[in-house]
Amino acid sequence: MPINNSYDEKAVIEAIAQALETFYANLIAKIDELNIQKIMKRKNPYLYRAKAMQNAAEIVESVLTAFVSSSEETIFGNCFFEPIAIAASNGNKALAEGIDIMIQDKGENTMYAIAVKSGPSVFNADSKKRQEQNFMAASKLAQQAKARYEAYVGYCYGKKKDSGRGKPKMYQELAGKKFWTELTGDEEFYKKIITYMGTLPEQYVAQYQESYNKAANRLVREFSNDFCKEDGSIDWEKLVEFNSGD
């Protein structure tokens, strides 16, 4: 039996709309606060020289594209899936550390603890150990309620081989279709998330593009002022000194 066998479609759609708004607001805010010195402190100037980059716009496009790609993945993972999973499962936002959703099924006298993850490649040995500890701590709530306890790590996209019960034999890992089916009882729900988005993403495209273009122009100006010579050529020694010098 799935954790939940019914969900409020309207609540799910509202959660998706709010998650998209949060995603774009956070991403645009990140882009708006960019400045070239913060970026170039973290970049490898030797790589740009090795690639024979010759102008500020070329370097800025490279760093801006990389920044957006990295940031959007992180921001999306942090803000998109969890509220949808809460709405879809009829669960509650968990207060316990490392747990995202708690569901108490009084009819079955079962308490479910769910950690929502974006994709299936998030754990190393240390983080897996912390997750196990968090599940163990949450199990005490079930003990106090004299309820059966089940713990899950849910990966919102991708596939993962069935692991059964993980060490120390206290949680299951489900990914993609299997996770959303467990939450909702609907084997098509993982596809419906895309459908429920409708045309909502298109509402943010113009605002995002405007922010991106402004950032590109601003960063080119800053790079030219800080790291170009009077004749407009890149001052590689100055750039390397700024990045790696005393």
Protein backbone atom coordinates (compact mmCIF):
# COMPACT_ATOMS: atom_id res chain seq x y z
CA MET A 1 0.00 0.00 0.00
CA PRO A 2 1.26 3.51 -0.77
CA ILE A 3 1.79 6.04 2.00
CA ASN A 4 -1.10 8.05 0.61
CA ASN A 5 -3.72 6.98 -1.92
CA SER A 6 -5.34 10.34 -2.61
CA TYR A 7 -4.16 13.89 -3.07
CA ASP A 8 -5.63 17.32 -3.57
CA GLU A 9 -4.86 18.24 -7.18
CA LYS A 10 -5.56 21.92 -6.56
CA ALA A 11 -3.14 21.99 -3.62
CA VAL A 12 -0.45 20.34 -5.75
CA ILE A 13 -0.89 22.87 -8.56
CA GLU A 14 -0.73 25.74 -6.06
CA ALA A 15 2.46 24.26 -4.58
CA ILE A 16 4.02 24.02 -8.04
CA ALA A 17 3.09 27.64 -8.84
CA GLN A 18 4.62 28.85 -5.58
CA ALA A 19 7.73 26.73 -6.08
CA LEU A 20 8.30 28.18 -9.55
CA GLU A 21 7.87 31.70 -8.24
CA THR A 22 10.38 31.03 -5.47
CA PHE A 23 12.83 29.43 -7.90
CA TYR A 24 12.86 32.35 -10.32
CA ALA A 25 12.89 34.98 -7.56
CA ASN A 26 15.94 33.37 -5.94
CA LEU A 27 17.76 32.80 -9.23
CA ILE A 28 17.18 36.36 -10.43
CA ALA A 29 18.29 37.73 -7.06
CA LYS A 30 21.52 35.74 -7.34
CA ILE A 31 22.17 37.08 -10.84
CA ASP A 32 21.37 40.66 -9.82
CA GLU A 33 23.95 40.65 -7.02
CA LEU A 34 26.83 39.27 -9.10
CA ASN A 35 30.01 41.28 -9.43
CA ILE A 36 33.11 40.42 -11.39
CA GLN A 37 35.56 40.44 -8.50
CA LYS A 38 33.62 37.84 -6.52
CA ILE A 39 33.43 35.65 -9.61
CA MET A 40 37.06 35.96 -10.68
CA LYS A 41 38.29 35.19 -7.16
CA ARG A 42 36.90 31.67 -7.64
CA LYS A 43 37.85 31.09 -11.26
CA ASN A 44 40.98 29.69 -12.89
CA PRO A 45 42.61 32.51 -14.90
CA TYR A 46 45.15 30.15 -16.44
CA LEU A 47 42.32 28.19 -18.05
CA TYR A 48 40.96 31.26 -19.82
CA ARG A 49 44.43 32.12 -21.13
CA ALA A 50 44.97 28.51 -22.22
CA LYS A 51 41.72 28.72 -24.19
CA ALA A 52 43.07 31.85 -25.93
CA MET A 53 40.19 34.04 -24.79
CA GLN A 54 40.87 37.55 -26.03
CA ASN A 55 38.01 39.77 -24.90
CA ALA A 56 36.00 40.60 -21.80
CA ALA A 57 32.66 39.57 -23.30
CA GLU A 58 33.96 36.07 -24.08
CA ILE A 59 35.17 35.52 -20.53
CA VAL A 60 32.04 37.00 -18.99
CA GLU A 61 29.77 34.79 -21.09
CA SER A 62 31.77 31.75 -19.98
CA VAL A 63 31.65 32.57 -16.26
CA LEU A 64 28.04 33.75 -16.32
CA THR A 65 26.82 30.63 -18.09
CA ALA A 66 28.70 28.42 -15.64
CA PHE A 67 27.37 30.40 -12.66
CA VAL A 68 23.76 30.18 -13.80
CA SER A 69 24.06 26.47 -14.59
CA SER A 70 25.44 25.71 -11.14
CA SER A 71 23.12 28.05 -9.26
CA GLU A 72 19.89 27.03 -10.94
CA GLU A 73 20.45 23.34 -10.16
CA THR A 74 21.07 24.10 -6.48
CA ILE A 75 18.23 26.61 -6.12
CA PHE A 76 15.76 24.39 -7.95
CA GLY A 77 16.63 21.39 -5.81
CA ASN A 78 16.26 23.43 -2.62
CA CYS A 79 12.93 25.08 -3.38
CA PHE A 80 10.94 23.07 -5.92
CA PHE A 81 10.35 19.47 -4.90
CA GLU A 82 9.80 19.60 -1.14
CA PRO A 83 6.60 21.72 -1.11
CA ILE A 84 5.17 19.61 -3.93
CA ALA A 85 5.92 16.42 -2.02
CA ILE A 86 4.26 17.85 1.11
CA ALA A 87 1.14 18.78 -0.85
CA ALA A 88 1.03 15.47 -2.73
CA SER A 89 1.43 13.35 0.39
CA ASN A 90 -0.99 15.30 2.61
CA GLY A 91 1.90 15.40 5.04
CA ASN A 92 3.35 18.06 7.28
CA LYS A 93 6.62 19.94 7.14
CA ALA A 94 8.87 18.12 9.58
CA LEU A 95 10.59 19.92 12.43
CA ALA A 96 13.16 17.16 12.97
CA GLU A 97 16.63 17.79 11.54
CA GLY A 98 17.27 16.13 8.19
CA ILE A 99 13.62 15.10 7.78
CA ASP A 100 11.38 17.02 5.39
CA ILE A 101 7.96 15.41 5.78
CA MET A 102 6.23 13.67 8.64
CA ILE A 103 2.99 11.78 8.07
CA GLN A 104 0.96 10.16 10.83
CA ASP A 105 -1.52 7.59 9.62
CA LYS A 106 -3.72 7.03 12.64
CA GLY A 107 -5.77 4.40 10.88
CA GLU A 108 -2.70 2.27 10.28
CA ASN A 109 -1.00 3.51 13.47
CA THR A 110 2.08 4.32 11.41
CA MET A 111 4.38 7.32 11.38
CA TYR A 112 6.30 8.05 8.18
CA ALA A 113 9.49 10.13 8.06
CA ILE A 114 10.58 11.26 4.60
CA ALA A 115 13.76 13.00 3.49
CA VAL A 116 13.20 14.61 0.10
CA LYS A 117 16.21 14.79 -2.19
CA SER A 118 16.46 16.21 -5.68
CA GLY A 119 18.38 13.57 -7.64
CA PRO A 120 19.81 10.18 -6.70
CA SER A 121 23.49 11.20 -6.44
CA VAL A 122 23.49 13.24 -3.24
CA PHE A 123 25.04 10.98 -0.61
CA ASN A 124 28.61 10.29 0.34
CA ALA A 125 29.56 8.13 3.31
CA ASP A 126 29.40 11.00 5.82
CA SER A 127 26.08 12.42 4.63
CA LYS A 128 24.53 8.94 4.55
CA LYS A 129 25.61 8.39 8.14
CA ARG A 130 24.07 11.74 9.16
CA GLN A 131 20.83 10.81 7.41
CA GLU A 132 20.69 7.52 9.29
CA GLN A 133 21.23 9.39 12.56
CA ASN A 134 18.44 11.81 11.70
CA PHE A 135 16.06 8.93 10.99
CA MET A 136 17.01 7.29 14.28
CA ALA A 137 16.25 10.52 16.15
CA ALA A 138 12.89 10.86 14.39
CA SER A 139 11.99 7.26 15.29
CA LYS A 140 11.73 8.31 18.94
CA LEU A 141 8.62 10.32 18.05
CA ALA A 142 7.00 7.12 16.79
CA GLN A 143 8.06 5.29 19.93
CA GLN A 144 6.46 7.96 22.08
CA ALA A 145 3.25 7.64 20.06
CA LYS A 146 3.50 3.83 20.18
CA ALA A 147 3.24 3.81 16.40
CA ARG A 148 4.94 1.75 13.72
CA TYR A 149 7.76 3.70 12.07
CA GLU A 150 8.78 3.80 8.41
CA ALA A 151 11.49 6.02 6.94
CA TYR A 152 12.15 6.90 3.33
CA VAL A 153 14.66 8.83 1.29
CA GLY A 154 12.81 10.03 -1.78
CA TYR A 155 14.70 11.12 -4.89
CA CYS A 156 12.40 13.29 -6.98
CA TYR A 157 13.87 12.39 -10.35
CA GLY A 158 16.06 9.68 -11.82
CA LYS A 159 16.32 5.99 -11.06
CA LYS A 160 17.90 4.05 -8.24
CA LYS A 161 18.30 0.33 -7.78
CA ASP A 162 16.18 -1.11 -5.00
CA SER A 163 18.32 -1.19 -1.90
CA GLY A 164 15.82 -2.76 0.47
CA ARG A 165 16.51 -1.55 3.94
CA GLY A 166 19.67 0.46 4.34
CA LYS A 167 22.15 0.12 7.15
CA PRO A 168 21.18 0.25 9.95
CA LYS A 169 18.09 -1.25 8.29
CA MET A 170 15.78 1.64 8.93
CA TYR A 171 14.96 3.40 5.66
CA GLN A 172 14.03 2.70 2.07
CA GLU A 173 15.24 4.61 -0.97
CA LEU A 174 12.81 5.35 -3.80
CA ALA A 175 13.46 7.40 -6.93
CA GLY A 176 11.44 9.02 -9.67
CA LYS A 177 8.21 7.24 -10.51
CA LYS A 178 8.48 4.86 -7.55
CA PHE A 179 8.84 7.71 -5.05
CA TRP A 180 5.92 9.75 -6.35
CA THR A 181 3.75 6.64 -6.60
CA GLU A 182 4.50 5.81 -2.97
CA LEU A 183 3.51 9.35 -1.94
CA THR A 184 0.31 9.56 -3.97
CA GLY A 185 -0.85 6.12 -5.06
CA ASP A 186 -0.83 7.47 -8.62
CA GLU A 187 1.64 5.79 -10.99
CA GLU A 188 1.32 8.71 -13.43
CA PHE A 189 1.98 11.45 -10.90
CA TYR A 190 5.63 11.87 -11.84
CA LYS A 191 4.48 12.83 -15.33
CA LYS A 192 1.65 14.99 -14.07
CA ILE A 193 4.12 17.33 -12.35
CA ILE A 194 5.18 18.48 -15.82
CA THR A 195 1.56 18.79 -16.93
CA TYR A 196 0.62 20.78 -13.84
CA MET A 197 3.31 23.35 -14.64
CA GLY A 198 1.28 24.31 -17.68
CA THR A 199 2.49 27.67 -19.02
CA LEU A 200 3.62 28.94 -15.63
CA PRO A 201 7.38 28.87 -16.48
CA GLU A 202 6.84 31.10 -19.52
CA GLN A 203 5.60 33.87 -17.23
CA TYR A 204 9.12 34.32 -15.85
CA VAL A 205 11.19 34.10 -19.03
CA ALA A 206 11.20 37.82 -19.86
CA GLN A 207 12.14 38.88 -16.33
CA TYR A 208 14.89 36.27 -16.15
CA GLN A 209 16.31 37.24 -19.56
CA GLU A 210 16.32 40.92 -18.64
CA SER A 211 18.24 40.16 -15.44
CA TYR A 212 20.71 37.95 -17.35
CA ASN A 213 21.36 40.60 -20.02
CA LYS A 214 21.90 43.33 -17.44
CA ALA A 215 24.34 41.11 -15.56
CA ALA A 216 26.25 40.33 -18.76
CA ASN A 217 26.59 44.03 -19.63
CA ARG A 218 27.50 44.96 -16.07
CA LEU A 219 30.14 42.26 -15.75
CA VAL A 220 31.74 43.15 -19.09
CA ARG A 221 32.04 46.76 -17.93
CA GLU A 222 33.49 45.70 -14.56
CA PHE A 223 35.93 43.26 -16.16
CA SER A 224 37.11 45.89 -18.64
CA ASN A 225 37.63 48.44 -15.86
CA ASP A 226 39.43 46.03 -13.54
CA PHE A 227 41.37 43.68 -15.82
CA CYS A 228 41.94 45.35 -19.17
CA LYS A 229 44.73 47.65 -20.30
CA GLU A 230 44.22 51.10 -21.78
CA ASP A 231 44.29 49.67 -25.29
CA GLY A 232 41.48 47.22 -24.38
CA SER A 233 43.57 44.04 -24.24
CA ILE A 234 43.30 41.77 -21.21
CA ASP A 235 45.91 42.39 -18.53
CA TRP A 236 46.57 38.75 -17.71
CA GLU A 237 49.24 39.47 -15.12
CA LYS A 238 46.87 41.77 -13.23
CA LEU A 239 44.12 39.16 -13.38
CA VAL A 240 46.41 36.40 -12.10
CA GLU A 241 47.76 38.65 -9.35
CA PHE A 242 44.23 39.53 -8.25
CA ASN A 243 43.24 35.86 -8.22
CA SER A 244 46.34 34.28 -6.72
CA GLY A 245 48.67 36.97 -5.39
CA ASP A 246 49.18 38.24 -1.85
